[in-house]
Amino acid sequence: MELTLQQLKQYDGSDPSKPIYIAVKGRIFDMTSGKSFYGPGGPYSMFAGKDASRALAKMSKNEEDVIASLDGLTDKEMGVLNDWETKFEAKYPIVGTVSN
């Protein structure tokens, strides 16, 4: 499955009949089983329906960081992002990719 960033927004948990998706480095993970974290009201709900790569790398919950851009990230931040990606791969199914 390929989704644009615009289409990905539909999977933010606001519609209980749809899964919750979060993209990391362009790969879309189905986070529905973690909806207490990623669904509405959850501590990481701001990532749902978006590519959260930059925010995860920076350990940030700021809205302006919840984007796909990796521009200017330090090696340490890229390492943090890779750790998140590995954690997600172990726990959540990859269901697609983000198209440009």
N, C-alpha and C. Protein backbone atom coordinates (compact mmCIF):
# COMPACT_ATOMS: atom_id res chain seq x y z
N MET A 1 0.85 -1.18 0.00
CA MET A 1 0.00 0.00 0.00
C MET A 1 0.89 1.24 0.00
N GLU A 2 0.50 2.21 -0.79
CA GLU A 2 1.17 3.51 -0.80
C GLU A 2 0.16 4.58 -0.46
N LEU A 3 0.54 5.46 0.46
CA LEU A 3 -0.32 6.58 0.83
C LEU A 3 0.48 7.87 0.71
N THR A 4 -0.18 8.93 0.31
CA THR A 4 0.47 10.25 0.38
C THR A 4 0.36 10.72 1.83
N LEU A 5 1.12 11.75 2.18
CA LEU A 5 1.01 12.30 3.54
C LEU A 5 -0.41 12.79 3.80
N GLN A 6 -1.06 13.31 2.76
CA GLN A 6 -2.45 13.78 2.90
C GLN A 6 -3.38 12.61 3.23
N GLN A 7 -3.20 11.48 2.53
CA GLN A 7 -4.04 10.30 2.79
C GLN A 7 -3.75 9.72 4.18
N LEU A 8 -2.49 9.77 4.59
CA LEU A 8 -2.08 9.23 5.89
C LEU A 8 -2.85 9.89 7.04
N LYS A 9 -3.21 11.16 6.86
CA LYS A 9 -3.93 11.91 7.91
C LYS A 9 -5.25 11.26 8.30
N GLN A 10 -5.83 10.47 7.39
CA GLN A 10 -7.11 9.80 7.68
C GLN A 10 -6.96 8.73 8.77
N TYR A 11 -5.72 8.33 9.04
CA TYR A 11 -5.46 7.22 9.97
C TYR A 11 -4.88 7.73 11.29
N ASP A 12 -5.48 8.80 11.81
CA ASP A 12 -4.97 9.43 13.03
C ASP A 12 -5.70 8.97 14.29
N GLY A 13 -6.59 8.00 14.15
CA GLY A 13 -7.31 7.48 15.30
C GLY A 13 -8.63 8.17 15.57
N SER A 14 -8.94 9.24 14.83
CA SER A 14 -10.19 9.96 15.08
C SER A 14 -11.41 9.18 14.59
N ASP A 15 -11.21 8.28 13.62
CA ASP A 15 -12.29 7.40 13.14
C ASP A 15 -12.01 6.00 13.68
N PRO A 16 -12.81 5.56 14.68
CA PRO A 16 -12.53 4.27 15.32
C PRO A 16 -12.62 3.07 14.38
N SER A 17 -13.22 3.26 13.20
CA SER A 17 -13.33 2.14 12.26
C SER A 17 -12.06 1.98 11.42
N LYS A 18 -11.13 2.95 11.52
CA LYS A 18 -9.89 2.88 10.74
C LYS A 18 -8.70 2.60 11.65
N PRO A 19 -7.68 1.95 11.11
CA PRO A 19 -6.47 1.72 11.92
C PRO A 19 -5.71 3.03 12.18
N ILE A 20 -4.79 2.97 13.12
CA ILE A 20 -3.92 4.11 13.43
C ILE A 20 -2.56 3.84 12.78
N TYR A 21 -2.14 4.76 11.92
CA TYR A 21 -0.87 4.61 11.22
C TYR A 21 0.08 5.73 11.61
N ILE A 22 1.35 5.37 11.71
CA ILE A 22 2.43 6.34 11.89
C ILE A 22 3.53 5.94 10.92
N ALA A 23 4.07 6.93 10.20
CA ALA A 23 5.18 6.64 9.30
C ALA A 23 6.50 7.04 9.95
N VAL A 24 7.52 6.23 9.69
CA VAL A 24 8.88 6.51 10.12
C VAL A 24 9.79 6.26 8.93
N LYS A 25 10.52 7.29 8.53
CA LYS A 25 11.41 7.20 7.38
C LYS A 25 10.68 6.64 6.16
N GLY A 26 9.44 7.07 5.99
CA GLY A 26 8.67 6.72 4.81
C GLY A 26 7.97 5.37 4.86
N ARG A 27 8.17 4.62 5.93
CA ARG A 27 7.48 3.34 6.07
C ARG A 27 6.32 3.51 7.05
N ILE A 28 5.17 2.95 6.70
CA ILE A 28 3.96 3.12 7.50
C ILE A 28 3.78 1.90 8.42
N PHE A 29 3.66 2.19 9.71
CA PHE A 29 3.42 1.16 10.72
C PHE A 29 1.98 1.25 11.19
N ASP A 30 1.36 0.06 11.39
CA ASP A 30 0.01 0.00 11.95
C ASP A 30 0.14 -0.04 13.47
N MET A 31 -0.18 1.09 14.09
CA MET A 31 -0.02 1.26 15.54
C MET A 31 -1.31 1.00 16.31
N THR A 32 -2.31 0.41 15.65
CA THR A 32 -3.62 0.24 16.26
C THR A 32 -3.54 -0.50 17.59
N SER A 33 -2.66 -1.50 17.69
CA SER A 33 -2.58 -2.26 18.94
C SER A 33 -2.02 -1.41 20.08
N GLY A 34 -1.41 -0.27 19.75
CA GLY A 34 -0.90 0.65 20.76
C GLY A 34 -1.76 1.89 20.88
N LYS A 35 -3.08 1.73 20.65
CA LYS A 35 -3.92 2.93 20.58
C LYS A 35 -4.00 3.70 21.90
N SER A 36 -3.70 3.05 23.02
CA SER A 36 -3.69 3.81 24.29
C SER A 36 -2.56 4.83 24.28
N PHE A 37 -1.52 4.58 23.49
CA PHE A 37 -0.41 5.54 23.35
C PHE A 37 -0.63 6.49 22.18
N TYR A 38 -1.09 5.95 21.04
CA TYR A 38 -1.11 6.70 19.79
C TYR A 38 -2.49 7.20 19.38
N GLY A 39 -3.54 6.69 20.03
CA GLY A 39 -4.89 7.10 19.70
C GLY A 39 -5.25 8.42 20.37
N PRO A 40 -6.46 8.90 20.11
CA PRO A 40 -6.92 10.17 20.68
C PRO A 40 -6.76 10.17 22.21
N GLY A 41 -6.15 11.23 22.73
CA GLY A 41 -5.95 11.34 24.16
C GLY A 41 -4.69 10.66 24.67
N GLY A 42 -4.05 9.87 23.81
CA GLY A 42 -2.83 9.18 24.23
C GLY A 42 -1.64 10.13 24.24
N PRO A 43 -0.58 9.75 24.98
CA PRO A 43 0.57 10.65 25.11
C PRO A 43 1.31 10.92 23.80
N TYR A 44 1.15 10.04 22.81
CA TYR A 44 1.84 10.22 21.53
C TYR A 44 0.85 10.40 20.37
N SER A 45 -0.36 10.84 20.69
CA SER A 45 -1.41 10.96 19.67
C SER A 45 -1.03 11.96 18.58
N MET A 46 -0.14 12.91 18.89
CA MET A 46 0.23 13.91 17.88
C MET A 46 1.01 13.29 16.72
N PHE A 47 1.50 12.05 16.87
CA PHE A 47 2.23 11.38 15.80
C PHE A 47 1.30 10.63 14.84
N ALA A 48 0.09 10.32 15.31
CA ALA A 48 -0.82 9.48 14.53
C ALA A 48 -1.23 10.16 13.23
N GLY A 49 -1.21 9.39 12.16
CA GLY A 49 -1.61 9.92 10.86
C GLY A 49 -0.54 10.78 10.21
N LYS A 50 0.70 10.70 10.71
CA LYS A 50 1.77 11.55 10.18
C LYS A 50 3.06 10.75 10.06
N ASP A 51 4.03 11.35 9.34
CA ASP A 51 5.39 10.82 9.38
C ASP A 51 6.07 11.54 10.55
N ALA A 52 6.37 10.80 11.58
CA ALA A 52 6.90 11.37 12.83
C ALA A 52 8.41 11.26 12.93
N SER A 53 9.09 11.03 11.82
CA SER A 53 10.53 10.77 11.85
C SER A 53 11.32 11.83 12.61
N ARG A 54 11.15 13.09 12.24
CA ARG A 54 11.93 14.16 12.87
C ARG A 54 11.64 14.27 14.36
N ALA A 55 10.37 14.21 14.73
CA ALA A 55 9.99 14.33 16.14
C ALA A 55 10.58 13.18 16.96
N LEU A 56 10.55 11.97 16.44
CA LEU A 56 11.12 10.83 17.15
C LEU A 56 12.63 11.00 17.30
N ALA A 57 13.29 11.44 16.24
CA ALA A 57 14.75 11.64 16.28
C ALA A 57 15.14 12.66 17.33
N LYS A 58 14.32 13.72 17.45
CA LYS A 58 14.62 14.81 18.38
C LYS A 58 13.98 14.60 19.75
N MET A 59 13.24 13.49 19.91
CA MET A 59 12.51 13.23 21.15
C MET A 59 11.62 14.42 21.47
N SER A 60 10.91 14.90 20.46
CA SER A 60 10.11 16.11 20.57
C SER A 60 8.64 15.82 20.36
N LYS A 61 7.80 16.50 21.10
CA LYS A 61 6.35 16.43 20.87
C LYS A 61 5.85 17.75 20.29
N ASN A 62 6.75 18.59 19.83
CA ASN A 62 6.35 19.86 19.23
C ASN A 62 5.78 19.62 17.84
N GLU A 63 4.64 20.24 17.59
CA GLU A 63 3.93 20.05 16.31
C GLU A 63 4.84 20.30 15.11
N GLU A 64 5.69 21.32 15.19
CA GLU A 64 6.53 21.66 14.03
C GLU A 64 7.59 20.59 13.75
N ASP A 65 7.84 19.70 14.71
CA ASP A 65 8.81 18.63 14.50
C ASP A 65 8.17 17.35 13.97
N VAL A 66 6.85 17.27 13.97
CA VAL A 66 6.18 16.05 13.52
C VAL A 66 6.07 16.08 11.99
N ILE A 67 7.24 15.92 11.37
CA ILE A 67 7.36 15.94 9.91
C ILE A 67 8.37 14.88 9.48
N ALA A 68 8.41 14.64 8.19
CA ALA A 68 9.29 13.60 7.64
C ALA A 68 10.73 14.06 7.50
N SER A 69 10.97 15.36 7.42
CA SER A 69 12.30 15.88 7.10
C SER A 69 13.38 15.42 8.09
N LEU A 70 14.47 14.90 7.54
CA LEU A 70 15.62 14.51 8.36
C LEU A 70 16.76 15.52 8.21
N ASP A 71 16.49 16.61 7.48
CA ASP A 71 17.53 17.61 7.21
C ASP A 71 18.11 18.17 8.50
N GLY A 72 19.43 18.18 8.59
CA GLY A 72 20.11 18.81 9.70
C GLY A 72 20.14 18.02 11.00
N LEU A 73 19.63 16.78 10.98
CA LEU A 73 19.69 15.99 12.21
C LEU A 73 21.12 15.55 12.48
N THR A 74 21.49 15.49 13.74
CA THR A 74 22.83 15.05 14.13
C THR A 74 22.92 13.52 14.03
N ASP A 75 24.13 13.01 14.08
CA ASP A 75 24.32 11.55 14.08
C ASP A 75 23.62 10.93 15.28
N LYS A 76 23.69 11.63 16.42
CA LYS A 76 23.03 11.12 17.62
C LYS A 76 21.51 11.04 17.41
N GLU A 77 20.94 12.10 16.84
CA GLU A 77 19.49 12.10 16.58
C GLU A 77 19.11 11.00 15.59
N MET A 78 19.93 10.77 14.58
CA MET A 78 19.65 9.68 13.63
C MET A 78 19.71 8.33 14.34
N GLY A 79 20.63 8.20 15.29
CA GLY A 79 20.71 6.97 16.08
C GLY A 79 19.46 6.76 16.91
N VAL A 80 18.96 7.83 17.50
CA VAL A 80 17.71 7.76 18.28
C VAL A 80 16.57 7.33 17.36
N LEU A 81 16.48 7.92 16.16
CA LEU A 81 15.43 7.56 15.21
C LEU A 81 15.55 6.09 14.82
N ASN A 82 16.76 5.63 14.57
CA ASN A 82 16.95 4.22 14.21
C ASN A 82 16.52 3.29 15.33
N ASP A 83 16.77 3.71 16.59
CA ASP A 83 16.32 2.90 17.73
C ASP A 83 14.79 2.82 17.77
N TRP A 84 14.11 3.94 17.53
CA TRP A 84 12.64 3.94 17.48
C TRP A 84 12.16 3.02 16.36
N GLU A 85 12.80 3.13 15.21
CA GLU A 85 12.39 2.32 14.06
C GLU A 85 12.52 0.83 14.39
N THR A 86 13.62 0.45 15.03
CA THR A 86 13.83 -0.95 15.41
C THR A 86 12.77 -1.42 16.40
N LYS A 87 12.44 -0.54 17.35
CA LYS A 87 11.41 -0.86 18.35
C LYS A 87 10.06 -1.06 17.67
N PHE A 88 9.72 -0.16 16.74
CA PHE A 88 8.45 -0.28 16.03
C PHE A 88 8.42 -1.54 15.17
N GLU A 89 9.52 -1.86 14.50
CA GLU A 89 9.58 -3.06 13.65
C GLU A 89 9.30 -4.32 14.46
N ALA A 90 9.77 -4.34 15.71
CA ALA A 90 9.58 -5.52 16.55
C ALA A 90 8.15 -5.65 17.06
N LYS A 91 7.43 -4.53 17.09
CA LYS A 91 6.13 -4.52 17.77
C LYS A 91 4.93 -4.31 16.84
N TYR A 92 5.12 -3.60 15.74
CA TYR A 92 3.99 -3.21 14.90
C TYR A 92 4.22 -3.62 13.45
N PRO A 93 3.15 -4.07 12.77
CA PRO A 93 3.32 -4.45 11.36
C PRO A 93 3.55 -3.25 10.44
N ILE A 94 4.40 -3.45 9.44
CA ILE A 94 4.61 -2.45 8.41
C ILE A 94 3.57 -2.71 7.33
N VAL A 95 2.78 -1.69 7.02
CA VAL A 95 1.65 -1.90 6.10
C VAL A 95 1.81 -1.16 4.78
N GLY A 96 2.86 -0.35 4.66
CA GLY A 96 3.01 0.37 3.40
C GLY A 96 4.10 1.41 3.46
N THR A 97 4.08 2.28 2.46
CA THR A 97 5.06 3.35 2.37
C THR A 97 4.36 4.66 2.02
N VAL A 98 5.05 5.75 2.33
CA VAL A 98 4.53 7.07 1.98
C VAL A 98 5.05 7.42 0.59
N SER A 99 4.14 7.83 -0.28
CA SER A 99 4.54 8.26 -1.63
C SER A 99 4.65 9.76 -1.66
N ASN A 100 5.46 10.26 -2.57
CA ASN A 100 5.65 11.72 -2.65
C ASN A 100 4.57 12.39 -3.48
